[in-house]
Amino acid sequence: MSLRRHVMIVGNGEIAAGTAAVIDAADLVIRFNDCRSVGAGGSRTDVVAVCNTGRPARAMLGSAEWRKSSAVAAASEIWSVRDPGKFAELRAPLAISHPELDDFCDDYTEQFTAFCQAAGKRHMVIDRAVHEGADTALADYDPGSYVVPSSGMIVIAYVMARHPDDDIAITGFSHTGWEEHPFAAEKRLVDAYVSLGRLRRLAATNLISASQGD
């Protein structure tokens, strides 16, 4: 009989104080991009979920500091949260609606694959169906006009689908940041998942800020 695993999704927002040891004791710890959650949010890192398009991707791949960071070095997997085909389709409409985002859909997935091959890590691309499922779920929570769900929302949706019988906890999610993510709707959706018992938030008292949310 399989045992229930404990999965921690640790964003780059406010970390619940005193939870570093709890996070590090989990069976699976997922962090994001430059892993600013390390420290207040413990150190264990099994997966780094990255934005594999646009400026964040270019910055990470071009940074020796990122490549050699303790979190990236420790991770056995890198997850690219943006399906290349989905973002290729977004390029033309965004050129009309958001011309300032001219490099938003630039795809660096192959470069992350090459990095993982050289570093002995598994590289996985989250399928567009997860993105589109998140769009559908958010529609019930008055998201307004937005470009894409946040990386955090995509990873939460993916992990819930992949680990339906496991204990999934989140911290470091302030649900604030880039105005083209539907953060208010994402907070309401995540709160709904918590109320249904599909997720739980680590105790959020005496918050320590790692940075703004993903």
C-alpha atoms as a PDB file:
ATOM      1  CA  MET A   1       0.000   0.000   0.000  1.00  0.00           C
ATOM      2  CA  SER A   2       1.442   3.371  -1.025  1.00  0.00           C
ATOM      3  CA  LEU A   3       2.041   6.030   1.589  1.00  0.00           C
ATOM      4  CA  ARG A   4       0.697   9.546   1.267  1.00  0.00           C
ATOM      5  CA  ARG A   5       3.502  11.896   0.263  1.00  0.00           C
ATOM      6  CA  HIS A   6       3.968  15.469   1.422  1.00  0.00           C
ATOM      7  CA  VAL A   7       4.497  17.987  -1.374  1.00  0.00           C
ATOM      8  CA  MET A   8       5.532  21.595  -0.761  1.00  0.00           C
ATOM      9  CA  ILE A   9       5.095  24.310  -3.387  1.00  0.00           C
ATOM     10  CA  VAL A  10       7.144  27.294  -2.260  1.00  0.00           C
ATOM     11  CA  GLY A  11       6.616  30.593  -4.033  1.00  0.00           C
ATOM     12  CA  ASN A  12       8.797  33.686  -3.881  1.00  0.00           C
ATOM     13  CA  GLY A  13       6.349  35.677  -1.753  1.00  0.00           C
ATOM     14  CA  GLU A  14       5.750  35.725   1.986  1.00  0.00           C
ATOM     15  CA  ILE A  15       6.935  32.611   3.791  1.00  0.00           C
ATOM     16  CA  ALA A  16       5.168  31.460   6.937  1.00  0.00           C
ATOM     17  CA  ALA A  17       7.602  32.010   9.803  1.00  0.00           C
ATOM     18  CA  GLY A  18       9.204  28.979  11.403  1.00  0.00           C
ATOM     19  CA  THR A  19       8.295  26.590   8.600  1.00  0.00           C
ATOM     20  CA  ALA A  20      11.735  26.026   7.068  1.00  0.00           C
ATOM     21  CA  ALA A  21      12.199  22.688   8.827  1.00  0.00           C
ATOM     22  CA  VAL A  22       8.691  21.556   7.845  1.00  0.00           C
ATOM     23  CA  ILE A  23       9.396  22.432   4.217  1.00  0.00           C
ATOM     24  CA  ASP A  24      12.737  20.646   4.226  1.00  0.00           C
ATOM     25  CA  ALA A  25      11.109  17.515   5.711  1.00  0.00           C
ATOM     26  CA  ALA A  26       8.667  17.164   2.804  1.00  0.00           C
ATOM     27  CA  ASP A  27       8.975  14.402   0.236  1.00  0.00           C
ATOM     28  CA  LEU A  28       8.967  16.859  -2.658  1.00  0.00           C
ATOM     29  CA  VAL A  29       9.806  20.582  -2.626  1.00  0.00           C
ATOM     30  CA  ILE A  30       9.124  22.752  -5.668  1.00  0.00           C
ATOM     31  CA  ARG A  31      10.515  26.285  -6.007  1.00  0.00           C
ATOM     32  CA  PHE A  32      10.373  28.920  -8.729  1.00  0.00           C
ATOM     33  CA  ASN A  33      12.837  30.653 -11.058  1.00  0.00           C
ATOM     34  CA  ASP A  34      15.640  32.187  -8.970  1.00  0.00           C
ATOM     35  CA  CYS A  35      14.423  30.424  -5.791  1.00  0.00           C
ATOM     36  CA  ARG A  36      14.384  33.521  -3.575  1.00  0.00           C
ATOM     37  CA  SER A  37      12.431  31.404  -1.087  1.00  0.00           C
ATOM     38  CA  VAL A  38      15.615  29.596  -0.009  1.00  0.00           C
ATOM     39  CA  GLY A  39      16.491  30.670   3.506  1.00  0.00           C
ATOM     40  CA  ALA A  40      13.210  31.641   5.151  1.00  0.00           C
ATOM     41  CA  GLY A  41      11.618  28.789   3.189  1.00  0.00           C
ATOM     42  CA  GLY A  42      14.248  26.171   3.975  1.00  0.00           C
ATOM     43  CA  SER A  43      16.807  24.838   1.544  1.00  0.00           C
ATOM     44  CA  ARG A  44      15.584  21.537   0.144  1.00  0.00           C
ATOM     45  CA  THR A  45      14.853  21.816  -3.567  1.00  0.00           C
ATOM     46  CA  ASP A  46      13.763  18.884  -5.692  1.00  0.00           C
ATOM     47  CA  VAL A  47      12.229  20.821  -8.571  1.00  0.00           C
ATOM     48  CA  VAL A  48      12.770  24.314  -9.956  1.00  0.00           C
ATOM     49  CA  ALA A  49       9.819  25.508 -12.036  1.00  0.00           C
ATOM     50  CA  VAL A  50      10.931  28.123 -14.546  1.00  0.00           C
ATOM     51  CA  CYS A  51       9.373  30.595 -16.954  1.00  0.00           C
ATOM     52  CA  ASN A  52      10.890  29.246 -20.160  1.00  0.00           C
ATOM     53  CA  THR A  53       9.889  32.163 -22.366  1.00  0.00           C
ATOM     54  CA  GLY A  54      10.765  35.834 -22.484  1.00  0.00           C
ATOM     55  CA  ARG A  55      13.046  37.877 -20.276  1.00  0.00           C
ATOM     56  CA  PRO A  56      12.981  35.653 -17.165  1.00  0.00           C
ATOM     57  CA  ALA A  57      14.175  32.681 -19.204  1.00  0.00           C
ATOM     58  CA  ARG A  58      16.900  34.695 -20.907  1.00  0.00           C
ATOM     59  CA  ALA A  59      18.079  36.091 -17.578  1.00  0.00           C
ATOM     60  CA  MET A  60      18.283  32.702 -15.878  1.00  0.00           C
ATOM     61  CA  LEU A  61      20.051  30.949 -18.723  1.00  0.00           C
ATOM     62  CA  GLY A  62      22.533  33.800 -19.045  1.00  0.00           C
ATOM     63  CA  SER A  63      23.349  33.854 -15.348  1.00  0.00           C
ATOM     64  CA  ALA A  64      26.238  31.798 -14.031  1.00  0.00           C
ATOM     65  CA  GLU A  65      24.944  32.632 -10.548  1.00  0.00           C
ATOM     66  CA  TRP A  66      21.597  30.994 -11.325  1.00  0.00           C
ATOM     67  CA  ARG A  67      23.185  27.936 -12.900  1.00  0.00           C
ATOM     68  CA  LYS A  68      25.493  27.419  -9.910  1.00  0.00           C
ATOM     69  CA  SER A  69      23.029  28.366  -7.175  1.00  0.00           C
ATOM     70  CA  SER A  70      22.506  25.855  -4.380  1.00  0.00           C
ATOM     71  CA  ALA A  71      18.826  25.372  -5.226  1.00  0.00           C
ATOM     72  CA  VAL A  72      19.369  24.745  -8.926  1.00  0.00           C
ATOM     73  CA  ALA A  73      22.328  22.487  -8.172  1.00  0.00           C
ATOM     74  CA  ALA A  74      20.235  20.446  -5.715  1.00  0.00           C
ATOM     75  CA  ALA A  75      17.208  20.076  -7.980  1.00  0.00           C
ATOM     76  CA  SER A  76      16.843  16.810  -9.852  1.00  0.00           C
ATOM     77  CA  GLU A  77      14.224  18.279 -12.184  1.00  0.00           C
ATOM     78  CA  ILE A  78      13.557  21.536 -14.012  1.00  0.00           C
ATOM     79  CA  TRP A  79       9.954  22.155 -15.036  1.00  0.00           C
ATOM     80  CA  SER A  80       9.254  24.566 -17.877  1.00  0.00           C
ATOM     81  CA  VAL A  81       5.817  26.001 -17.124  1.00  0.00           C
ATOM     82  CA  ARG A  82       5.054  27.408 -20.594  1.00  0.00           C
ATOM     83  CA  ASP A  83       4.131  25.060 -23.423  1.00  0.00           C
ATOM     84  CA  PRO A  84       6.045  26.259 -26.515  1.00  0.00           C
ATOM     85  CA  GLY A  85       3.142  25.583 -28.884  1.00  0.00           C
ATOM     86  CA  LYS A  86       0.709  27.492 -26.698  1.00  0.00           C
ATOM     87  CA  PHE A  87       2.997  30.511 -26.518  1.00  0.00           C
ATOM     88  CA  ALA A  88       3.726  30.418 -30.237  1.00  0.00           C
ATOM     89  CA  GLU A  89      -0.027  30.799 -30.780  1.00  0.00           C
ATOM     90  CA  LEU A  90      -0.178  33.711 -28.339  1.00  0.00           C
ATOM     91  CA  ARG A  91       2.452  35.737 -30.204  1.00  0.00           C
ATOM     92  CA  ALA A  92       0.212  37.142 -32.955  1.00  0.00           C
ATOM     93  CA  PRO A  93      -2.722  38.243 -30.755  1.00  0.00           C
ATOM     94  CA  LEU A  94      -0.347  39.725 -28.177  1.00  0.00           C
ATOM     95  CA  ALA A  95       1.389  41.729 -30.903  1.00  0.00           C
ATOM     96  CA  ILE A  96      -1.949  43.499 -31.338  1.00  0.00           C
ATOM     97  CA  SER A  97      -3.198  43.697 -27.751  1.00  0.00           C
ATOM     98  CA  HIS A  98       0.146  44.103 -25.959  1.00  0.00           C
ATOM     99  CA  PRO A  99       2.792  45.271 -28.453  1.00  0.00           C
ATOM    100  CA  GLU A 100       5.113  46.109 -25.557  1.00  0.00           C
ATOM    101  CA  LEU A 101       5.410  42.360 -24.886  1.00  0.00           C
ATOM    102  CA  ASP A 102       7.287  41.753 -28.109  1.00  0.00           C
ATOM    103  CA  ASP A 103       9.686  39.247 -26.510  1.00  0.00           C
ATOM    104  CA  PHE A 104       7.177  37.635 -24.127  1.00  0.00           C
ATOM    105  CA  CYS A 105       6.729  34.534 -26.289  1.00  0.00           C
ATOM    106  CA  ASP A 106      10.398  34.074 -27.211  1.00  0.00           C
ATOM    107  CA  ASP A 107      10.954  30.392 -26.457  1.00  0.00           C
ATOM    108  CA  TYR A 108      13.988  29.066 -24.565  1.00  0.00           C
ATOM    109  CA  THR A 109      12.760  25.529 -23.954  1.00  0.00           C
ATOM    110  CA  GLU A 110      15.521  23.920 -25.987  1.00  0.00           C
ATOM    111  CA  GLN A 111      18.145  25.833 -24.015  1.00  0.00           C
ATOM    112  CA  PHE A 112      16.688  24.558 -20.731  1.00  0.00           C
ATOM    113  CA  THR A 113      16.733  21.050 -22.177  1.00  0.00           C
ATOM    114  CA  ALA A 114      20.402  21.442 -23.074  1.00  0.00           C
ATOM    115  CA  PHE A 115      21.209  22.818 -19.607  1.00  0.00           C
ATOM    116  CA  CYS A 116      19.483  19.861 -17.956  1.00  0.00           C
ATOM    117  CA  GLN A 117      21.244  17.342 -20.176  1.00  0.00           C
ATOM    118  CA  ALA A 118      24.612  18.860 -19.300  1.00  0.00           C
ATOM    119  CA  ALA A 119      23.768  19.013 -15.589  1.00  0.00           C
ATOM    120  CA  GLY A 120      22.276  15.522 -15.329  1.00  0.00           C
ATOM    121  CA  LYS A 121      18.743  16.735 -14.555  1.00  0.00           C
ATOM    122  CA  ARG A 122      15.360  15.781 -15.920  1.00  0.00           C
ATOM    123  CA  HIS A 123      13.606  18.469 -17.948  1.00  0.00           C
ATOM    124  CA  MET A 124       9.825  18.414 -18.191  1.00  0.00           C
ATOM    125  CA  VAL A 125       7.503  20.824 -20.027  1.00  0.00           C
ATOM    126  CA  ILE A 126       4.068  21.284 -18.472  1.00  0.00           C
ATOM    127  CA  ASP A 127       1.508  20.573 -21.171  1.00  0.00           C
ATOM    128  CA  ARG A 128      -0.720  23.298 -22.563  1.00  0.00           C
ATOM    129  CA  ALA A 129      -3.761  21.408 -21.256  1.00  0.00           C
ATOM    130  CA  VAL A 130      -2.782  22.480 -17.732  1.00  0.00           C
ATOM    131  CA  HIS A 131      -2.596  26.141 -18.812  1.00  0.00           C
ATOM    132  CA  GLU A 132      -5.947  25.897 -20.574  1.00  0.00           C
ATOM    133  CA  GLY A 133      -7.493  24.083 -17.619  1.00  0.00           C
ATOM    134  CA  ALA A 134      -6.346  26.885 -15.332  1.00  0.00           C
ATOM    135  CA  ASP A 135      -7.921  29.431 -17.684  1.00  0.00           C
ATOM    136  CA  THR A 136     -11.182  27.519 -17.493  1.00  0.00           C
ATOM    137  CA  ALA A 137     -11.104  27.261 -13.712  1.00  0.00           C
ATOM    138  CA  LEU A 138     -10.256  30.959 -13.318  1.00  0.00           C
ATOM    139  CA  ALA A 139     -13.208  31.973 -15.476  1.00  0.00           C
ATOM    140  CA  ASP A 140     -15.518  31.302 -12.517  1.00  0.00           C
ATOM    141  CA  TYR A 141     -13.647  33.830 -10.349  1.00  0.00           C
ATOM    142  CA  ASP A 142     -13.980  37.052 -12.346  1.00  0.00           C
ATOM    143  CA  PRO A 143     -10.413  37.237 -13.675  1.00  0.00           C
ATOM    144  CA  GLY A 144     -11.046  40.163 -16.005  1.00  0.00           C
ATOM    145  CA  SER A 145      -8.648  40.689 -18.887  1.00  0.00           C
ATOM    146  CA  TYR A 146      -5.223  39.069 -18.450  1.00  0.00           C
ATOM    147  CA  VAL A 147      -2.400  37.640 -20.519  1.00  0.00           C
ATOM    148  CA  VAL A 148      -1.629  34.289 -18.844  1.00  0.00           C
ATOM    149  CA  PRO A 149      -1.988  32.654 -15.432  1.00  0.00           C
ATOM    150  CA  SER A 150       1.030  32.952 -13.165  1.00  0.00           C
ATOM    151  CA  SER A 151       3.665  30.242 -13.019  1.00  0.00           C
ATOM    152  CA  GLY A 152       2.515  29.493  -9.493  1.00  0.00           C
ATOM    153  CA  MET A 153      -1.046  28.839 -10.655  1.00  0.00           C
ATOM    154  CA  ILE A 154       0.146  26.551 -13.449  1.00  0.00           C
ATOM    155  CA  VAL A 155       2.319  24.538 -11.058  1.00  0.00           C
ATOM    156  CA  ILE A 156      -0.445  24.245  -8.453  1.00  0.00           C
ATOM    157  CA  ALA A 157      -2.824  22.935 -11.119  1.00  0.00           C
ATOM    158  CA  TYR A 158      -0.224  20.497 -12.434  1.00  0.00           C
ATOM    159  CA  VAL A 159       0.737  19.168  -9.004  1.00  0.00           C
ATOM    160  CA  MET A 160      -2.889  18.677  -7.944  1.00  0.00           C
ATOM    161  CA  ALA A 161      -3.467  16.629 -11.100  1.00  0.00           C
ATOM    162  CA  ARG A 162      -0.247  14.670 -10.724  1.00  0.00           C
ATOM    163  CA  HIS A 163      -0.547  14.029  -6.965  1.00  0.00           C
ATOM    164  CA  PRO A 164      -4.296  13.704  -6.313  1.00  0.00           C
ATOM    165  CA  ASP A 165      -3.868  11.535  -3.218  1.00  0.00           C
ATOM    166  CA  ASP A 166      -0.936  13.372  -1.646  1.00  0.00           C
ATOM    167  CA  ASP A 167      -0.800  16.165   0.907  1.00  0.00           C
ATOM    168  CA  ILE A 168      -0.043  19.374  -1.026  1.00  0.00           C
ATOM    169  CA  ALA A 169       0.904  22.499   0.918  1.00  0.00           C
ATOM    170  CA  ILE A 170       1.768  25.963  -0.354  1.00  0.00           C
ATOM    171  CA  THR A 171       3.544  28.961   1.073  1.00  0.00           C
ATOM    172  CA  GLY A 172       5.178  32.003  -0.476  1.00  0.00           C
ATOM    173  CA  PHE A 173       2.094  32.909  -2.492  1.00  0.00           C
ATOM    174  CA  SER A 174       1.175  36.565  -2.031  1.00  0.00           C
ATOM    175  CA  HIS A 175      -1.011  36.574  -5.161  1.00  0.00           C
ATOM    176  CA  THR A 176       0.436  39.934  -6.157  1.00  0.00           C
ATOM    177  CA  GLY A 177       2.860  41.006  -8.847  1.00  0.00           C
ATOM    178  CA  TRP A 178       2.719  41.521 -12.598  1.00  0.00           C
ATOM    179  CA  GLU A 179      -0.563  43.202 -13.518  1.00  0.00           C
ATOM    180  CA  GLU A 180      -1.136  40.891 -16.494  1.00  0.00           C
ATOM    181  CA  HIS A 181      -1.529  37.836 -14.245  1.00  0.00           C
ATOM    182  CA  PRO A 182      -5.054  37.455 -12.772  1.00  0.00           C
ATOM    183  CA  PHE A 183      -3.816  37.391  -9.190  1.00  0.00           C
ATOM    184  CA  ALA A 184      -7.080  38.314  -7.456  1.00  0.00           C
ATOM    185  CA  ALA A 185      -8.913  35.518  -9.251  1.00  0.00           C
ATOM    186  CA  GLU A 186      -6.039  33.128  -8.579  1.00  0.00           C
ATOM    187  CA  LYS A 187      -6.284  33.847  -4.856  1.00  0.00           C
ATOM    188  CA  ARG A 188      -9.995  33.114  -4.891  1.00  0.00           C
ATOM    189  CA  LEU A 189      -9.440  29.907  -6.862  1.00  0.00           C
ATOM    190  CA  VAL A 190      -6.672  28.734  -4.525  1.00  0.00           C
ATOM    191  CA  ASP A 191      -8.831  29.555  -1.505  1.00  0.00           C
ATOM    192  CA  ALA A 192     -11.566  27.387  -3.046  1.00  0.00           C
ATOM    193  CA  TYR A 193      -9.109  24.509  -3.440  1.00  0.00           C
ATOM    194  CA  VAL A 194      -8.087  24.951   0.206  1.00  0.00           C
ATOM    195  CA  SER A 195     -11.712  24.903   1.359  1.00  0.00           C
ATOM    196  CA  LEU A 196     -12.247  21.680  -0.593  1.00  0.00           C
ATOM    197  CA  GLY A 197      -9.212  20.087   1.066  1.00  0.00           C
ATOM    198  CA  ARG A 198      -7.259  19.763  -2.155  1.00  0.00           C
ATOM    199  CA  LEU A 199      -4.550  22.135  -0.892  1.00  0.00           C
ATOM    200  CA  ARG A 200      -3.483  23.624   2.398  1.00  0.00           C
ATOM    201  CA  ARG A 201      -1.583  26.775   3.239  1.00  0.00           C
ATOM    202  CA  LEU A 202       1.203  26.615   5.793  1.00  0.00           C
ATOM    203  CA  ALA A 203       0.414  28.708   8.872  1.00  0.00           C
ATOM    204  CA  ALA A 204       0.774  32.368   7.933  1.00  0.00           C
ATOM    205  CA  THR A 205       1.689  34.156  11.157  1.00  0.00           C
ATOM    206  CA  ASN A 206       4.577  36.591  11.603  1.00  0.00           C
ATOM    207  CA  LEU A 207       5.259  36.516   7.893  1.00  0.00           C
ATOM    208  CA  ILE A 208       8.782  36.846   6.548  1.00  0.00           C
ATOM    209  CA  SER A 209       8.928  38.383   3.075  1.00  0.00           C
ATOM    210  CA  ALA A 210      11.199  36.632   0.579  1.00  0.00           C
ATOM    211  CA  SER A 211      10.044  38.901  -2.258  1.00  0.00           C
ATOM    212  CA  GLN A 212       6.912  39.582  -4.243  1.00  0.00           C
ATOM    213  CA  GLY A 213       4.858  36.612  -5.381  1.00  0.00           C
ATOM    214  CA  ASP A 214       5.324  34.787  -8.651  1.00  0.00           C
END
